[in-house]
Amino acid sequence: MKYKSVFDIIGPVMIGPSSSHTAGAARIGRIARNLFRREPKWVKISFYGSFAKTYKGHGTDVAIIGGILDYDTFDERIIHSIDQARKKGIRVKFQEEDAVTDHPNTARIQMGDDQGELDLVGISIGGGKVEIIELNGFELKLSGHHPAILVVHDDRFGAIASVSNILAKHKLNIGHMDVSRKEKGKMALMTIEVDQPIDETVIEEITSLSNITQVTRISD
């Protein structure tokens, strides 16, 4: 289990009855919002396992929409988040799925607007902790509890080393790194969590590298 202290076991400060079903769901939604980088026009949430069976009673639905609206786990506006989203003109749809997943608390968030779409799968592992395990078809492992960068790049020799060299130059220690690709030689995704805040200069340097398509920074 990935707990660093007794406070992780007790759970975070939050609105709602369950750290797994409420705080975790809010964090999954907020990570999706962070990655999308703007307010969506429409949102479709698919719940699996325990989430699908109890999401209404445990407030998972309002929590995950609250996260998409960029509310923190303790924000009292979460309680009314669905109504607030609809007042903003955001189309919201929930769907219960029967498919068996590797983790019982699994949610898929699909959202978009006229500029693009995002498809994300997250799991709530307890104590308000989460993992993002899929993004736009890429497998990954992102906790959302540490500063991180997601680097979309061409699957070419030296791409990973070039990014690592920039992080080393700026004395950023890599806590976790994961690389995923859909097909050899095509598009790939680096997920890198570090121990220190990431300055905009670092993002600009990585973006300027050859074979780099997109760089997204995620704050903890």
C-alpha atoms as a PDB file:
ATOM      1  CA  MET A   1       0.000   0.000   0.000  1.00  0.00           C
ATOM      2  CA  LYS A   2       1.269   3.480  -0.867  1.00  0.00           C
ATOM      3  CA  TYR A   3       0.899   5.364   2.393  1.00  0.00           C
ATOM      4  CA  LYS A   4       3.599   7.676   3.762  1.00  0.00           C
ATOM      5  CA  SER A   5       2.002   8.581   7.086  1.00  0.00           C
ATOM      6  CA  VAL A   6      -0.922   7.932   9.413  1.00  0.00           C
ATOM      7  CA  PHE A   7      -2.658  10.973   7.866  1.00  0.00           C
ATOM      8  CA  ASP A   8      -2.824   9.150   4.527  1.00  0.00           C
ATOM      9  CA  ILE A   9      -4.624   6.273   6.236  1.00  0.00           C
ATOM     10  CA  ILE A  10      -7.057   8.562   8.078  1.00  0.00           C
ATOM     11  CA  GLY A  11      -7.722  10.377   4.839  1.00  0.00           C
ATOM     12  CA  PRO A  12      -7.695  13.962   3.598  1.00  0.00           C
ATOM     13  CA  VAL A  13      -9.803  16.937   4.631  1.00  0.00           C
ATOM     14  CA  MET A  14     -12.815  16.566   2.395  1.00  0.00           C
ATOM     15  CA  ILE A  15     -16.496  16.994   1.691  1.00  0.00           C
ATOM     16  CA  GLY A  16     -18.376  13.690   1.687  1.00  0.00           C
ATOM     17  CA  PRO A  17     -18.541  10.370   3.501  1.00  0.00           C
ATOM     18  CA  SER A  18     -15.717   8.385   1.891  1.00  0.00           C
ATOM     19  CA  SER A  19     -12.103   9.162   1.048  1.00  0.00           C
ATOM     20  CA  SER A  20     -12.122   6.556  -1.724  1.00  0.00           C
ATOM     21  CA  HIS A  21     -15.480   7.463  -3.236  1.00  0.00           C
ATOM     22  CA  THR A  22     -15.439  11.218  -2.632  1.00  0.00           C
ATOM     23  CA  ALA A  23     -11.940  12.667  -2.157  1.00  0.00           C
ATOM     24  CA  GLY A  24     -10.417  10.207  -4.615  1.00  0.00           C
ATOM     25  CA  ALA A  25     -13.103  10.914  -7.197  1.00  0.00           C
ATOM     26  CA  ALA A  26     -12.614  14.679  -6.814  1.00  0.00           C
ATOM     27  CA  ARG A  27      -8.878  14.280  -7.372  1.00  0.00           C
ATOM     28  CA  ILE A  28      -9.405  12.182 -10.496  1.00  0.00           C
ATOM     29  CA  GLY A  29     -11.702  14.877 -11.850  1.00  0.00           C
ATOM     30  CA  ARG A  30      -9.282  17.666 -10.989  1.00  0.00           C
ATOM     31  CA  ILE A  31      -6.366  15.901 -12.680  1.00  0.00           C
ATOM     32  CA  ALA A  32      -8.524  15.530 -15.799  1.00  0.00           C
ATOM     33  CA  ARG A  33      -9.275  19.277 -15.660  1.00  0.00           C
ATOM     34  CA  ASN A  34      -5.563  20.039 -15.199  1.00  0.00           C
ATOM     35  CA  LEU A  35      -4.675  17.963 -18.248  1.00  0.00           C
ATOM     36  CA  PHE A  36      -7.477  19.432 -20.363  1.00  0.00           C
ATOM     37  CA  ARG A  37      -6.344  22.908 -19.233  1.00  0.00           C
ATOM     38  CA  ARG A  38      -9.753  24.561 -19.624  1.00  0.00           C
ATOM     39  CA  GLU A  39     -13.422  24.131 -18.780  1.00  0.00           C
ATOM     40  CA  PRO A  40     -15.096  21.544 -21.029  1.00  0.00           C
ATOM     41  CA  LYS A  41     -18.386  21.916 -22.879  1.00  0.00           C
ATOM     42  CA  TRP A  42     -19.463  18.336 -22.211  1.00  0.00           C
ATOM     43  CA  VAL A  43     -18.527  15.543 -19.794  1.00  0.00           C
ATOM     44  CA  LYS A  44     -19.321  11.834 -19.805  1.00  0.00           C
ATOM     45  CA  ILE A  45     -18.423   9.811 -16.700  1.00  0.00           C
ATOM     46  CA  SER A  46     -18.425   6.003 -16.763  1.00  0.00           C
ATOM     47  CA  PHE A  47     -18.299   4.277 -13.360  1.00  0.00           C
ATOM     48  CA  TYR A  48     -17.090   0.698 -12.849  1.00  0.00           C
ATOM     49  CA  GLY A  49     -17.212  -1.766  -9.959  1.00  0.00           C
ATOM     50  CA  SER A  50     -17.943  -0.280  -6.544  1.00  0.00           C
ATOM     51  CA  PHE A  51     -18.147   3.198  -8.045  1.00  0.00           C
ATOM     52  CA  ALA A  52     -20.966   2.061 -10.338  1.00  0.00           C
ATOM     53  CA  LYS A  53     -22.938   0.490  -7.478  1.00  0.00           C
ATOM     54  CA  THR A  54     -22.693   3.264  -4.898  1.00  0.00           C
ATOM     55  CA  TYR A  55     -21.730   6.505  -6.644  1.00  0.00           C
ATOM     56  CA  LYS A  56     -25.016   8.292  -5.907  1.00  0.00           C
ATOM     57  CA  GLY A  57     -25.115   7.426  -2.202  1.00  0.00           C
ATOM     58  CA  HIS A  58     -21.436   8.211  -1.612  1.00  0.00           C
ATOM     59  CA  GLY A  59     -21.381  11.445  -3.574  1.00  0.00           C
ATOM     60  CA  THR A  60     -18.919  10.171  -6.170  1.00  0.00           C
ATOM     61  CA  ASP A  61     -20.876  11.900  -8.928  1.00  0.00           C
ATOM     62  CA  VAL A  62     -20.795  15.375  -7.358  1.00  0.00           C
ATOM     63  CA  ALA A  63     -17.158  14.876  -6.291  1.00  0.00           C
ATOM     64  CA  ILE A  64     -15.834  13.993  -9.720  1.00  0.00           C
ATOM     65  CA  ILE A  65     -17.711  16.888 -11.356  1.00  0.00           C
ATOM     66  CA  GLY A  66     -16.435  19.169  -8.603  1.00  0.00           C
ATOM     67  CA  GLY A  67     -12.902  18.140  -9.501  1.00  0.00           C
ATOM     68  CA  ILE A  68     -13.580  18.878 -13.168  1.00  0.00           C
ATOM     69  CA  LEU A  69     -14.747  22.345 -12.078  1.00  0.00           C
ATOM     70  CA  ASP A  70     -11.333  22.664 -10.346  1.00  0.00           C
ATOM     71  CA  TYR A  71     -12.680  22.415  -6.774  1.00  0.00           C
ATOM     72  CA  ASP A  72     -10.415  20.934  -4.108  1.00  0.00           C
ATOM     73  CA  THR A  73     -11.547  18.003  -1.931  1.00  0.00           C
ATOM     74  CA  PHE A  74     -12.582  20.300   0.954  1.00  0.00           C
ATOM     75  CA  ASP A  75     -14.454  22.857  -1.193  1.00  0.00           C
ATOM     76  CA  GLU A  76     -18.075  23.076  -0.021  1.00  0.00           C
ATOM     77  CA  ARG A  77     -19.206  23.904  -3.560  1.00  0.00           C
ATOM     78  CA  ILE A  78     -18.663  20.222  -4.435  1.00  0.00           C
ATOM     79  CA  ILE A  79     -22.082  19.413  -2.962  1.00  0.00           C
ATOM     80  CA  HIS A  80     -23.788  21.445  -5.699  1.00  0.00           C
ATOM     81  CA  SER A  81     -21.228  20.847  -8.447  1.00  0.00           C
ATOM     82  CA  ILE A  82     -23.559  19.092 -10.904  1.00  0.00           C
ATOM     83  CA  ASP A  83     -26.074  21.942 -10.769  1.00  0.00           C
ATOM     84  CA  GLN A  84     -23.239  24.459 -11.096  1.00  0.00           C
ATOM     85  CA  ALA A  85     -21.803  22.651 -14.109  1.00  0.00           C
ATOM     86  CA  ARG A  86     -25.162  22.656 -15.860  1.00  0.00           C
ATOM     87  CA  LYS A  87     -25.651  26.365 -15.074  1.00  0.00           C
ATOM     88  CA  LYS A  88     -22.344  26.932 -16.868  1.00  0.00           C
ATOM     89  CA  GLY A  89     -23.785  25.119 -19.891  1.00  0.00           C
ATOM     90  CA  ILE A  90     -21.703  21.968 -19.409  1.00  0.00           C
ATOM     91  CA  ARG A  91     -23.558  18.848 -20.548  1.00  0.00           C
ATOM     92  CA  VAL A  92     -23.087  16.124 -17.912  1.00  0.00           C
ATOM     93  CA  LYS A  93     -23.829  12.427 -18.363  1.00  0.00           C
ATOM     94  CA  PHE A  94     -23.211   9.485 -16.010  1.00  0.00           C
ATOM     95  CA  GLN A  95     -23.083   5.860 -17.070  1.00  0.00           C
ATOM     96  CA  GLU A  96     -22.870   2.656 -14.999  1.00  0.00           C
ATOM     97  CA  GLU A  97     -20.662   0.010 -16.615  1.00  0.00           C
ATOM     98  CA  ASP A  98     -20.833  -3.760 -16.083  1.00  0.00           C
ATOM     99  CA  ALA A  99     -17.341  -4.527 -17.342  1.00  0.00           C
ATOM    100  CA  VAL A 100     -14.940  -5.997 -14.774  1.00  0.00           C
ATOM    101  CA  THR A 101     -11.874  -3.832 -14.122  1.00  0.00           C
ATOM    102  CA  ASP A 102      -8.635  -4.510 -12.256  1.00  0.00           C
ATOM    103  CA  HIS A 103      -9.680  -2.107  -9.490  1.00  0.00           C
ATOM    104  CA  PRO A 104     -13.230  -1.730  -8.057  1.00  0.00           C
ATOM    105  CA  ASN A 105     -13.084   2.070  -7.789  1.00  0.00           C
ATOM    106  CA  THR A 106     -12.557   2.927 -11.448  1.00  0.00           C
ATOM    107  CA  ALA A 107     -13.866   5.879 -13.434  1.00  0.00           C
ATOM    108  CA  ARG A 108     -13.461   6.917 -17.061  1.00  0.00           C
ATOM    109  CA  ILE A 109     -13.774  10.609 -17.827  1.00  0.00           C
ATOM    110  CA  GLN A 110     -14.456  11.695 -21.383  1.00  0.00           C
ATOM    111  CA  MET A 111     -14.807  15.405 -21.944  1.00  0.00           C
ATOM    112  CA  GLY A 112     -14.340  17.958 -24.655  1.00  0.00           C
ATOM    113  CA  ASP A 113     -15.225  21.140 -26.456  1.00  0.00           C
ATOM    114  CA  ASP A 114     -14.803  22.624 -29.918  1.00  0.00           C
ATOM    115  CA  GLN A 115     -11.008  22.575 -29.538  1.00  0.00           C
ATOM    116  CA  GLY A 116     -10.513  18.927 -28.599  1.00  0.00           C
ATOM    117  CA  GLU A 117     -11.304  15.982 -26.350  1.00  0.00           C
ATOM    118  CA  LEU A 118      -9.756  14.070 -23.457  1.00  0.00           C
ATOM    119  CA  ASP A 119     -10.234  10.438 -22.421  1.00  0.00           C
ATOM    120  CA  LEU A 120      -8.861   9.474 -19.001  1.00  0.00           C
ATOM    121  CA  VAL A 121      -9.172   6.439 -16.709  1.00  0.00           C
ATOM    122  CA  GLY A 122      -8.453   6.805 -13.005  1.00  0.00           C
ATOM    123  CA  ILE A 123      -8.683   4.602  -9.924  1.00  0.00           C
ATOM    124  CA  SER A 124      -9.161   5.581  -6.284  1.00  0.00           C
ATOM    125  CA  ILE A 125      -6.842   3.418  -4.181  1.00  0.00           C
ATOM    126  CA  GLY A 126      -7.905   4.576  -0.706  1.00  0.00           C
ATOM    127  CA  GLY A 127      -7.249   7.436   1.676  1.00  0.00           C
ATOM    128  CA  GLY A 128      -7.934   9.939  -1.072  1.00  0.00           C
ATOM    129  CA  LYS A 129      -5.025   8.631  -3.129  1.00  0.00           C
ATOM    130  CA  VAL A 130      -5.514   8.038  -6.851  1.00  0.00           C
ATOM    131  CA  GLU A 131      -3.730   6.769  -9.907  1.00  0.00           C
ATOM    132  CA  ILE A 132      -4.353   7.747 -13.504  1.00  0.00           C
ATOM    133  CA  ILE A 133      -3.818   4.569 -15.524  1.00  0.00           C
ATOM    134  CA  GLU A 134      -4.845   5.610 -19.035  1.00  0.00           C
ATOM    135  CA  LEU A 135      -4.821   8.848 -21.021  1.00  0.00           C
ATOM    136  CA  ASN A 136      -6.094   9.103 -24.599  1.00  0.00           C
ATOM    137  CA  GLY A 137      -5.315   5.435 -25.194  1.00  0.00           C
ATOM    138  CA  PHE A 138      -1.863   5.513 -23.565  1.00  0.00           C
ATOM    139  CA  GLU A 139      -1.198   3.388 -20.497  1.00  0.00           C
ATOM    140  CA  LEU A 140       0.477   5.341 -17.717  1.00  0.00           C
ATOM    141  CA  LYS A 141       0.885   5.606 -13.958  1.00  0.00           C
ATOM    142  CA  LEU A 142       0.297   9.059 -12.513  1.00  0.00           C
ATOM    143  CA  SER A 143      -0.499   9.721  -8.849  1.00  0.00           C
ATOM    144  CA  GLY A 144      -1.278  13.433  -9.008  1.00  0.00           C
ATOM    145  CA  HIS A 145       0.456  13.878  -5.626  1.00  0.00           C
ATOM    146  CA  HIS A 146       3.780  15.118  -7.028  1.00  0.00           C
ATOM    147  CA  PRO A 147       4.797  17.706  -9.628  1.00  0.00           C
ATOM    148  CA  ALA A 148       4.832  15.969 -12.995  1.00  0.00           C
ATOM    149  CA  ILE A 149       5.231  16.466 -16.709  1.00  0.00           C
ATOM    150  CA  LEU A 150       3.607  14.510 -19.509  1.00  0.00           C
ATOM    151  CA  VAL A 151       5.633  14.535 -22.709  1.00  0.00           C
ATOM    152  CA  VAL A 152       4.064  13.398 -25.983  1.00  0.00           C
ATOM    153  CA  HIS A 153       6.857  12.571 -28.408  1.00  0.00           C
ATOM    154  CA  ASP A 154       7.851  10.566 -31.454  1.00  0.00           C
ATOM    155  CA  ASP A 155       9.173   7.135 -30.513  1.00  0.00           C
ATOM    156  CA  ARG A 156      12.770   7.839 -31.533  1.00  0.00           C
ATOM    157  CA  PHE A 157      16.208   6.930 -30.190  1.00  0.00           C
ATOM    158  CA  GLY A 158      17.479   9.486 -27.672  1.00  0.00           C
ATOM    159  CA  ALA A 159      14.160  11.203 -26.934  1.00  0.00           C
ATOM    160  CA  ILE A 160      13.986   9.946 -23.340  1.00  0.00           C
ATOM    161  CA  ALA A 161      17.659  10.727 -22.674  1.00  0.00           C
ATOM    162  CA  SER A 162      17.252  14.290 -23.972  1.00  0.00           C
ATOM    163  CA  VAL A 163      14.388  14.986 -21.568  1.00  0.00           C
ATOM    164  CA  SER A 164      16.234  13.341 -18.651  1.00  0.00           C
ATOM    165  CA  ASN A 165      19.320  15.482 -19.343  1.00  0.00           C
ATOM    166  CA  ILE A 166      17.289  18.683 -19.088  1.00  0.00           C
ATOM    167  CA  LEU A 167      15.787  17.579 -15.768  1.00  0.00           C
ATOM    168  CA  ALA A 168      19.259  16.704 -14.473  1.00  0.00           C
ATOM    169  CA  LYS A 169      20.617  20.093 -15.574  1.00  0.00           C
ATOM    170  CA  HIS A 170      17.923  21.805 -13.500  1.00  0.00           C
ATOM    171  CA  LYS A 171      18.574  19.431 -10.546  1.00  0.00           C
ATOM    172  CA  LEU A 172      15.088  17.921 -10.676  1.00  0.00           C
ATOM    173  CA  ASN A 173      15.060  14.474  -9.102  1.00  0.00           C
ATOM    174  CA  ILE A 174      12.858  11.914 -10.874  1.00  0.00           C
ATOM    175  CA  GLY A 175      10.665  10.016  -8.424  1.00  0.00           C
ATOM    176  CA  HIS A 176       8.832   7.963 -11.020  1.00  0.00           C
ATOM    177  CA  MET A 177       9.045   7.674 -14.780  1.00  0.00           C
ATOM    178  CA  ASP A 178       6.903   5.680 -17.156  1.00  0.00           C
ATOM    179  CA  VAL A 179       6.948   5.420 -20.951  1.00  0.00           C
ATOM    180  CA  SER A 180       4.075   4.162 -23.083  1.00  0.00           C
ATOM    181  CA  ARG A 181       3.607   3.824 -26.835  1.00  0.00           C
ATOM    182  CA  LYS A 182       0.774   2.575 -28.995  1.00  0.00           C
ATOM    183  CA  GLU A 183       3.018   1.307 -31.773  1.00  0.00           C
ATOM    184  CA  LYS A 184       6.777   1.040 -32.327  1.00  0.00           C
ATOM    185  CA  GLY A 185       8.201   4.122 -34.023  1.00  0.00           C
ATOM    186  CA  LYS A 186       4.980   6.131 -33.675  1.00  0.00           C
ATOM    187  CA  MET A 187       3.658   8.431 -30.955  1.00  0.00           C
ATOM    188  CA  ALA A 188       4.746   7.789 -27.355  1.00  0.00           C
ATOM    189  CA  LEU A 189       4.111   9.288 -23.917  1.00  0.00           C
ATOM    190  CA  MET A 190       6.560   9.953 -21.087  1.00  0.00           C
ATOM    191  CA  THR A 191       5.073  10.390 -17.606  1.00  0.00           C
ATOM    192  CA  ILE A 192       7.620  11.860 -15.198  1.00  0.00           C
ATOM    193  CA  GLU A 193       6.990  12.693 -11.528  1.00  0.00           C
ATOM    194  CA  VAL A 194       9.652  14.757  -9.774  1.00  0.00           C
ATOM    195  CA  ASP A 195      10.363  15.870  -6.207  1.00  0.00           C
ATOM    196  CA  GLN A 196      10.551  19.621  -6.833  1.00  0.00           C
ATOM    197  CA  PRO A 197       8.323  22.239  -8.502  1.00  0.00           C
ATOM    198  CA  ILE A 198       8.869  22.497 -12.255  1.00  0.00           C
ATOM    199  CA  ASP A 199       9.783  25.934 -13.583  1.00  0.00           C
ATOM    200  CA  GLU A 200       8.380  27.195 -16.888  1.00  0.00           C
ATOM    201  CA  THR A 201      11.947  27.356 -18.222  1.00  0.00           C
ATOM    202  CA  VAL A 202      12.155  23.571 -17.971  1.00  0.00           C
ATOM    203  CA  ILE A 203       8.931  23.172 -19.937  1.00  0.00           C
ATOM    204  CA  GLU A 204      10.182  25.521 -22.642  1.00  0.00           C
ATOM    205  CA  GLU A 205      13.492  23.673 -22.985  1.00  0.00           C
ATOM    206  CA  ILE A 206      11.792  20.285 -23.284  1.00  0.00           C
ATOM    207  CA  THR A 207       9.272  21.660 -25.783  1.00  0.00           C
ATOM    208  CA  SER A 208      12.102  22.937 -27.982  1.00  0.00           C
ATOM    209  CA  LEU A 209      13.642  19.462 -28.329  1.00  0.00           C
ATOM    210  CA  SER A 210      13.285  17.594 -31.610  1.00  0.00           C
ATOM    211  CA  ASN A 211      10.618  14.857 -31.762  1.00  0.00           C
ATOM    212  CA  ILE A 212       8.605  16.504 -28.931  1.00  0.00           C
ATOM    213  CA  THR A 213       4.928  17.112 -29.773  1.00  0.00           C
ATOM    214  CA  GLN A 214       3.438  18.392 -26.514  1.00  0.00           C
ATOM    215  CA  VAL A 215       4.521  18.999 -22.909  1.00  0.00           C
ATOM    216  CA  THR A 216       2.000  19.326 -20.084  1.00  0.00           C
ATOM    217  CA  ARG A 217       2.923  20.310 -16.537  1.00  0.00           C
ATOM    218  CA  ILE A 218       0.893  19.063 -13.571  1.00  0.00           C
ATOM    219  CA  SER A 219       1.227  20.689 -10.139  1.00  0.00           C
ATOM    220  CA  ASP A 220       0.880  18.554  -7.016  1.00  0.00           C
END
